[in-house]
Amino acid sequence: MAKSERRERSLALYETIMNLKSVDECCRFFDDLCTPAELRSMEQRFDVAVYLQQGLVYLDILDRTGASSATISRVRRSMLDNGAGGIMQEIIAREGLNEPKE
């Protein structure tokens, strides 16, 4: 396949995720599907997105997550500013994660 061709998105993965029955089942599913490094990376990016939405500054986010400034910037740009219709911001707000924890 040429690099310019994009493989059509398979919805089976997303439909399967929607059908997971518990947090434990979800954790076990992702443990089977992803490497530990991939999971840590996704978890870290999500934490960064939450902290950005809470209004934390880069240095505080770096201190709390260990993410590099490049990762924090990338998350801000791709997930919060130019993401898939702003869905990350909606989910963080819906889950009540947008308010700083004391």
Protein backbone atom coordinates (compact mmCIF):
# COMPACT_ATOMS: atom_id res chain seq x y z
CA MET A 1 0.00 0.00 0.00
CA ALA A 2 1.35 3.42 -0.93
CA LYS A 3 2.02 5.81 1.95
CA SER A 4 -0.47 8.28 0.52
CA GLU A 5 -3.28 5.70 0.83
CA ARG A 6 -5.01 5.61 4.18
CA ARG A 7 -6.49 2.42 5.47
CA GLU A 8 -10.20 2.75 6.17
CA ARG A 9 -10.91 3.00 9.89
CA SER A 10 -12.16 -0.23 11.40
CA LEU A 11 -15.04 0.49 13.72
CA ALA A 12 -14.85 -2.94 15.35
CA LEU A 13 -12.33 -1.73 17.96
CA TYR A 14 -14.46 1.25 18.98
CA GLU A 15 -17.67 -0.80 19.05
CA THR A 16 -15.93 -3.38 21.25
CA ILE A 17 -14.73 -0.67 23.65
CA MET A 18 -18.29 0.66 23.90
CA ASN A 19 -19.46 -2.83 24.95
CA LEU A 20 -16.99 -3.34 27.81
CA LYS A 21 -18.91 -3.92 31.02
CA SER A 22 -16.68 -2.52 33.77
CA VAL A 23 -13.53 -0.52 34.46
CA ASP A 24 -11.77 -3.78 35.37
CA GLU A 25 -12.79 -5.37 32.05
CA CYS A 26 -11.64 -2.22 30.22
CA CYS A 27 -8.25 -2.30 31.97
CA ARG A 28 -7.78 -5.98 31.15
CA PHE A 29 -8.82 -5.39 27.52
CA PHE A 30 -6.27 -2.60 27.07
CA ASP A 31 -3.61 -4.63 28.91
CA ASP A 32 -4.10 -7.34 26.28
CA LEU A 33 -4.22 -4.90 23.38
CA CYS A 34 -1.43 -2.45 24.20
CA THR A 35 2.11 -2.55 25.45
CA PRO A 36 2.76 -1.09 28.91
CA ALA A 37 4.55 1.87 27.25
CA GLU A 38 1.56 2.55 24.98
CA LEU A 39 -0.81 2.52 27.94
CA ARG A 40 1.42 4.82 30.01
CA SER A 41 1.62 7.21 27.06
CA MET A 42 -2.16 7.34 26.55
CA GLU A 43 -2.80 7.71 30.29
CA GLN A 44 -0.22 10.48 30.51
CA ARG A 45 -1.72 12.35 27.54
CA PHE A 46 -5.18 12.11 29.07
CA ASP A 47 -3.87 13.42 32.41
CA VAL A 48 -2.19 16.29 30.56
CA ALA A 49 -5.48 17.12 28.78
CA VAL A 50 -7.34 17.15 32.11
CA TYR A 51 -4.75 19.42 33.74
CA LEU A 52 -4.76 21.77 30.74
CA GLN A 53 -8.54 22.03 30.96
CA GLN A 54 -8.20 22.77 34.68
CA GLY A 55 -5.98 25.71 33.74
CA LEU A 56 -2.68 24.42 35.11
CA VAL A 57 0.50 25.86 33.61
CA TYR A 58 3.06 23.74 31.77
CA LEU A 59 5.52 23.54 34.69
CA ASP A 60 2.83 22.27 37.08
CA ILE A 61 1.67 19.69 34.52
CA LEU A 62 5.25 18.57 33.92
CA ASP A 63 5.74 18.21 37.67
CA ARG A 64 2.54 16.18 38.13
CA THR A 65 2.81 13.94 35.04
CA GLY A 66 6.46 13.84 34.02
CA ALA A 67 5.37 14.73 30.48
CA SER A 68 7.81 16.76 28.43
CA SER A 69 6.91 20.29 27.36
CA ALA A 70 6.72 18.95 23.79
CA THR A 71 4.11 16.37 24.83
CA ILE A 72 2.13 18.96 26.77
CA SER A 73 2.19 21.29 23.79
CA ARG A 74 1.16 18.50 21.42
CA VAL A 75 -1.75 17.48 23.64
CA ARG A 76 -2.88 21.08 23.90
CA ARG A 77 -2.70 21.55 20.15
CA SER A 78 -4.13 18.27 18.95
CA MET A 79 -6.54 17.18 21.67
CA LEU A 80 -7.87 20.44 23.04
CA ASP A 81 -7.57 23.00 20.25
CA ASN A 82 -7.82 21.04 17.02
CA GLY A 83 -9.15 17.69 18.14
CA ALA A 84 -12.06 15.73 16.76
CA GLY A 85 -14.70 18.40 17.20
CA GLY A 86 -13.56 19.31 20.70
CA ILE A 87 -14.69 15.97 22.08
CA MET A 88 -11.86 15.76 24.63
CA GLN A 89 -13.02 18.98 26.32
CA GLU A 90 -16.63 17.74 26.35
CA ILE A 91 -15.68 14.40 27.92
CA ILE A 92 -13.46 15.98 30.57
CA ALA A 93 -16.29 18.37 31.51
CA ARG A 94 -18.95 15.63 31.43
CA GLU A 95 -16.89 13.44 33.76
CA GLY A 96 -16.41 16.36 36.17
CA LEU A 97 -12.64 16.31 35.71
CA ASN A 98 -12.34 19.94 34.66
CA GLU A 99 -12.33 21.25 38.24
CA PRO A 100 -9.01 21.04 40.12
CA LYS A 101 -8.95 18.52 42.96
CA GLU A 102 -7.91 19.87 46.31
